[in-house]
Amino acid sequence: MAAAQLFPRTTTVSGERTVVYDFKIHELRHTAASLAMQAGANIKSLQNMLGHESAALTLDRYGHLYRSDVEAVGVAINALLTRDCEQSVGADAA
């Protein structure tokens, strides 16, 4: 990190100038999880990738990064309920 000068911040401690790097290697784990989610990884795959004991833990940590698909689910349910099954069954049939 020092050679790459990742996010250096200079501070003064007791009159000495000290360079502190705010970047933590653990942040790469979060980046990998975020990229996997954007690539379409499901929660079980992400759980296994990260080594979490449960999918609930993974959802608690990263669930906010999933896009909301509530509208898409509603559209899909509507399509199922309104599909034409070609059976001529209903109130209009005589």
N, C-alpha and C. Protein backbone atom coordinates (compact mmCIF):
# COMPACT_ATOMS: atom_id res chain seq x y z
N MET A 1 0.82 -1.19 0.00
CA MET A 1 0.00 0.00 0.00
C MET A 1 0.86 1.25 0.00
N ALA A 2 1.97 1.21 0.71
CA ALA A 2 2.84 2.37 0.75
C ALA A 2 3.39 2.67 -0.64
N ALA A 3 3.82 1.62 -1.35
CA ALA A 3 4.38 1.83 -2.69
C ALA A 3 3.32 2.34 -3.66
N ALA A 4 2.09 1.86 -3.50
CA ALA A 4 1.00 2.28 -4.39
C ALA A 4 0.40 3.62 -3.96
N GLN A 5 0.71 4.04 -2.75
CA GLN A 5 0.18 5.28 -2.18
C GLN A 5 -1.34 5.33 -2.27
N LEU A 6 -1.97 4.25 -1.78
CA LEU A 6 -3.43 4.18 -1.78
C LEU A 6 -4.01 5.05 -0.68
N PHE A 7 -4.77 6.04 -1.05
CA PHE A 7 -5.48 6.91 -0.13
C PHE A 7 -4.61 7.44 1.01
N PRO A 8 -3.46 8.02 0.71
CA PRO A 8 -2.62 8.50 1.81
C PRO A 8 -3.22 9.73 2.48
N ARG A 9 -3.04 9.80 3.77
CA ARG A 9 -3.50 10.94 4.57
C ARG A 9 -2.35 11.28 5.51
N THR A 10 -1.89 12.50 5.47
CA THR A 10 -0.78 12.91 6.32
C THR A 10 -1.32 13.51 7.61
N THR A 11 -0.81 13.02 8.72
CA THR A 11 -1.22 13.55 10.02
C THR A 11 0.02 13.96 10.78
N THR A 12 -0.19 14.71 11.84
CA THR A 12 0.91 15.12 12.69
C THR A 12 0.69 14.51 14.06
N VAL A 13 1.65 13.72 14.50
CA VAL A 13 1.57 13.09 15.81
C VAL A 13 2.78 13.56 16.61
N SER A 14 2.52 14.30 17.65
CA SER A 14 3.59 14.81 18.51
C SER A 14 4.67 15.53 17.72
N GLY A 15 4.26 16.29 16.73
CA GLY A 15 5.20 17.05 15.94
C GLY A 15 5.80 16.28 14.78
N GLU A 16 5.55 14.95 14.69
CA GLU A 16 6.06 14.16 13.58
C GLU A 16 4.99 14.01 12.51
N ARG A 17 5.45 14.09 11.27
CA ARG A 17 4.50 13.86 10.17
C ARG A 17 4.42 12.36 9.93
N THR A 18 3.20 11.84 9.92
CA THR A 18 2.98 10.42 9.72
C THR A 18 1.99 10.24 8.59
N VAL A 19 2.27 9.29 7.70
CA VAL A 19 1.36 9.00 6.60
C VAL A 19 0.50 7.80 7.00
N VAL A 20 -0.80 7.99 6.92
CA VAL A 20 -1.75 6.94 7.28
C VAL A 20 -2.53 6.57 6.02
N TYR A 21 -2.69 5.29 5.77
CA TYR A 21 -3.45 4.83 4.61
C TYR A 21 -4.82 4.36 5.08
N ASP A 22 -5.88 5.05 4.60
CA ASP A 22 -7.24 4.73 5.01
C ASP A 22 -7.74 3.43 4.39
N PHE A 23 -7.10 2.97 3.32
CA PHE A 23 -7.52 1.76 2.64
C PHE A 23 -7.18 0.53 3.49
N LYS A 24 -8.15 -0.36 3.63
CA LYS A 24 -7.96 -1.61 4.35
C LYS A 24 -8.10 -2.77 3.36
N ILE A 25 -7.27 -3.78 3.46
CA ILE A 25 -7.32 -4.93 2.57
C ILE A 25 -8.71 -5.58 2.63
N HIS A 26 -9.35 -5.57 3.80
CA HIS A 26 -10.68 -6.16 3.96
C HIS A 26 -11.71 -5.51 3.03
N GLU A 27 -11.47 -4.28 2.62
CA GLU A 27 -12.39 -3.60 1.71
C GLU A 27 -12.46 -4.30 0.36
N LEU A 28 -11.41 -5.02 -0.01
CA LEU A 28 -11.45 -5.78 -1.26
C LEU A 28 -12.50 -6.88 -1.20
N ARG A 29 -12.75 -7.44 -0.03
CA ARG A 29 -13.78 -8.46 0.16
C ARG A 29 -15.16 -7.87 -0.16
N HIS A 30 -15.42 -6.68 0.34
CA HIS A 30 -16.69 -6.01 0.08
C HIS A 30 -16.82 -5.68 -1.41
N THR A 31 -15.73 -5.28 -2.02
CA THR A 31 -15.74 -4.99 -3.46
C THR A 31 -16.07 -6.25 -4.24
N ALA A 32 -15.44 -7.36 -3.88
CA ALA A 32 -15.72 -8.63 -4.56
C ALA A 32 -17.17 -9.04 -4.40
N ALA A 33 -17.72 -8.87 -3.21
CA ALA A 33 -19.13 -9.21 -2.97
C ALA A 33 -20.05 -8.33 -3.81
N SER A 34 -19.76 -7.05 -3.86
CA SER A 34 -20.58 -6.12 -4.65
C SER A 34 -20.54 -6.45 -6.14
N LEU A 35 -19.34 -6.76 -6.64
CA LEU A 35 -19.20 -7.10 -8.05
C LEU A 35 -19.91 -8.41 -8.37
N ALA A 36 -19.84 -9.38 -7.47
CA ALA A 36 -20.53 -10.65 -7.68
C ALA A 36 -22.04 -10.45 -7.74
N MET A 37 -22.56 -9.59 -6.88
CA MET A 37 -24.00 -9.30 -6.89
C MET A 37 -24.40 -8.64 -8.19
N GLN A 38 -23.62 -7.67 -8.66
CA GLN A 38 -23.92 -7.00 -9.91
C GLN A 38 -23.84 -7.95 -11.09
N ALA A 39 -23.03 -9.00 -10.96
CA ALA A 39 -22.89 -9.99 -12.02
C ALA A 39 -24.01 -11.02 -11.98
N GLY A 40 -24.88 -10.93 -10.96
CA GLY A 40 -26.03 -11.81 -10.90
C GLY A 40 -25.92 -12.98 -9.94
N ALA A 41 -24.93 -12.98 -9.07
CA ALA A 41 -24.79 -14.07 -8.10
C ALA A 41 -26.00 -14.11 -7.17
N ASN A 42 -26.53 -15.30 -6.96
CA ASN A 42 -27.64 -15.41 -6.00
C ASN A 42 -27.07 -15.45 -4.58
N ILE A 43 -27.95 -15.34 -3.61
CA ILE A 43 -27.50 -15.19 -2.23
C ILE A 43 -26.74 -16.40 -1.72
N LYS A 44 -27.12 -17.61 -2.16
CA LYS A 44 -26.42 -18.81 -1.72
C LYS A 44 -25.00 -18.85 -2.30
N SER A 45 -24.84 -18.46 -3.55
CA SER A 45 -23.51 -18.40 -4.15
C SER A 45 -22.63 -17.40 -3.42
N LEU A 46 -23.21 -16.25 -3.12
CA LEU A 46 -22.47 -15.21 -2.40
C LEU A 46 -22.09 -15.69 -1.00
N GLN A 47 -23.02 -16.37 -0.34
CA GLN A 47 -22.75 -16.92 0.98
C GLN A 47 -21.55 -17.87 0.93
N ASN A 48 -21.56 -18.77 -0.05
CA ASN A 48 -20.45 -19.72 -0.18
C ASN A 48 -19.15 -19.02 -0.53
N MET A 49 -19.21 -18.03 -1.41
CA MET A 49 -18.01 -17.31 -1.81
C MET A 49 -17.36 -16.61 -0.61
N LEU A 50 -18.18 -16.04 0.26
CA LEU A 50 -17.67 -15.28 1.40
C LEU A 50 -17.41 -16.15 2.62
N GLY A 51 -17.90 -17.40 2.59
CA GLY A 51 -17.70 -18.29 3.72
C GLY A 51 -18.58 -17.99 4.91
N HIS A 52 -19.71 -17.33 4.66
CA HIS A 52 -20.63 -17.04 5.76
C HIS A 52 -21.34 -18.31 6.21
N GLU A 53 -21.65 -18.39 7.48
CA GLU A 53 -22.33 -19.56 8.05
C GLU A 53 -23.77 -19.66 7.55
N SER A 54 -24.40 -18.53 7.28
CA SER A 54 -25.80 -18.56 6.85
C SER A 54 -26.06 -17.50 5.78
N ALA A 55 -27.07 -17.76 4.97
CA ALA A 55 -27.48 -16.78 3.97
C ALA A 55 -28.05 -15.54 4.65
N ALA A 56 -28.64 -15.73 5.83
CA ALA A 56 -29.19 -14.60 6.58
C ALA A 56 -28.09 -13.60 6.93
N LEU A 57 -26.94 -14.11 7.32
CA LEU A 57 -25.81 -13.22 7.64
C LEU A 57 -25.39 -12.45 6.39
N THR A 58 -25.34 -13.14 5.26
CA THR A 58 -24.96 -12.49 4.00
C THR A 58 -25.98 -11.41 3.63
N LEU A 59 -27.27 -11.73 3.76
CA LEU A 59 -28.32 -10.75 3.46
C LEU A 59 -28.27 -9.56 4.41
N ASP A 60 -28.00 -9.83 5.68
CA ASP A 60 -27.92 -8.74 6.65
C ASP A 60 -26.77 -7.78 6.29
N ARG A 61 -25.67 -8.34 5.79
CA ARG A 61 -24.50 -7.53 5.47
C ARG A 61 -24.61 -6.84 4.12
N TYR A 62 -25.14 -7.55 3.10
CA TYR A 62 -25.09 -7.04 1.73
C TYR A 62 -26.46 -6.86 1.07
N GLY A 63 -27.53 -7.17 1.79
CA GLY A 63 -28.87 -7.11 1.20
C GLY A 63 -29.24 -5.76 0.62
N HIS A 64 -28.74 -4.70 1.20
CA HIS A 64 -29.06 -3.36 0.71
C HIS A 64 -28.51 -3.10 -0.69
N LEU A 65 -27.57 -3.93 -1.13
CA LEU A 65 -26.99 -3.73 -2.45
C LEU A 65 -27.81 -4.37 -3.57
N TYR A 66 -28.71 -5.28 -3.19
CA TYR A 66 -29.56 -5.89 -4.22
C TYR A 66 -30.56 -4.86 -4.70
N ARG A 67 -30.76 -4.84 -6.02
CA ARG A 67 -31.75 -3.94 -6.58
C ARG A 67 -33.14 -4.43 -6.22
N SER A 68 -34.05 -3.51 -6.00
CA SER A 68 -35.43 -3.88 -5.71
C SER A 68 -36.09 -4.36 -7.00
N ASP A 69 -36.68 -5.54 -6.94
CA ASP A 69 -37.37 -6.08 -8.11
C ASP A 69 -38.85 -6.28 -7.82
N VAL A 70 -39.39 -5.52 -6.87
CA VAL A 70 -40.78 -5.66 -6.49
C VAL A 70 -41.70 -5.44 -7.68
N GLU A 71 -41.42 -4.43 -8.48
CA GLU A 71 -42.27 -4.16 -9.64
C GLU A 71 -42.21 -5.32 -10.64
N ALA A 72 -41.04 -5.85 -10.88
CA ALA A 72 -40.89 -6.97 -11.81
C ALA A 72 -41.63 -8.21 -11.32
N VAL A 73 -41.62 -8.43 -10.02
CA VAL A 73 -42.35 -9.57 -9.45
C VAL A 73 -43.84 -9.36 -9.66
N GLY A 74 -44.33 -8.16 -9.44
CA GLY A 74 -45.75 -7.86 -9.65
C GLY A 74 -46.16 -8.08 -11.10
N VAL A 75 -45.34 -7.65 -12.03
CA VAL A 75 -45.61 -7.84 -13.46
C VAL A 75 -45.66 -9.33 -13.79
N ALA A 76 -44.71 -10.10 -13.25
CA ALA A 76 -44.67 -11.54 -13.52
C ALA A 76 -45.89 -12.24 -12.94
N ILE A 77 -46.32 -11.88 -11.74
CA ILE A 77 -47.52 -12.48 -11.14
C ILE A 77 -48.75 -12.13 -11.96
N ASN A 78 -48.85 -10.88 -12.39
CA ASN A 78 -49.97 -10.46 -13.22
C ASN A 78 -50.02 -11.26 -14.52
N ALA A 79 -48.86 -11.50 -15.12
CA ALA A 79 -48.80 -12.27 -16.36
C ALA A 79 -49.29 -13.70 -16.13
N LEU A 80 -48.95 -14.27 -14.98
CA LEU A 80 -49.42 -15.62 -14.66
C LEU A 80 -50.93 -15.66 -14.47
N LEU A 81 -51.46 -14.65 -13.81
CA LEU A 81 -52.89 -14.63 -13.51
C LEU A 81 -53.76 -14.28 -14.71
N THR A 82 -53.20 -13.61 -15.68
CA THR A 82 -54.00 -13.16 -16.83
C THR A 82 -53.70 -13.92 -18.11
N ARG A 83 -52.90 -14.96 -18.03
CA ARG A 83 -52.57 -15.70 -19.25
C ARG A 83 -53.79 -16.43 -19.79
N ASP A 84 -53.81 -16.61 -21.06
CA ASP A 84 -54.90 -17.30 -21.74
C ASP A 84 -54.57 -18.78 -21.79
N CYS A 85 -55.40 -19.58 -21.09
CA CYS A 85 -55.12 -21.00 -21.04
C CYS A 85 -55.89 -21.76 -22.13
N GLU A 86 -56.64 -21.03 -22.96
CA GLU A 86 -57.35 -21.59 -24.12
C GLU A 86 -58.33 -22.68 -23.75
N GLN A 87 -59.00 -22.55 -22.60
CA GLN A 87 -59.95 -23.57 -22.17
C GLN A 87 -61.40 -23.10 -22.23
N SER A 88 -61.65 -21.87 -22.61
CA SER A 88 -63.00 -21.32 -22.68
C SER A 88 -63.75 -21.50 -21.37
N VAL A 89 -63.10 -21.29 -20.28
CA VAL A 89 -63.71 -21.42 -18.95
C VAL A 89 -63.82 -20.02 -18.38
N GLY A 90 -64.99 -19.68 -17.84
CA GLY A 90 -65.15 -18.39 -17.21
C GLY A 90 -66.60 -17.96 -17.26
N ALA A 91 -66.89 -16.77 -16.77
CA ALA A 91 -68.25 -16.26 -16.69
C ALA A 91 -68.83 -15.99 -18.06
N ASP A 92 -68.01 -15.70 -19.05
CA ASP A 92 -68.50 -15.37 -20.39
C ASP A 92 -68.89 -16.62 -21.19
N ALA A 93 -68.43 -17.79 -20.79
CA ALA A 93 -68.73 -18.99 -21.55
C ALA A 93 -70.20 -19.36 -21.40
N ALA A 94 -70.86 -19.70 -22.48
CA ALA A 94 -72.28 -20.00 -22.42
C ALA A 94 -72.54 -21.46 -22.71
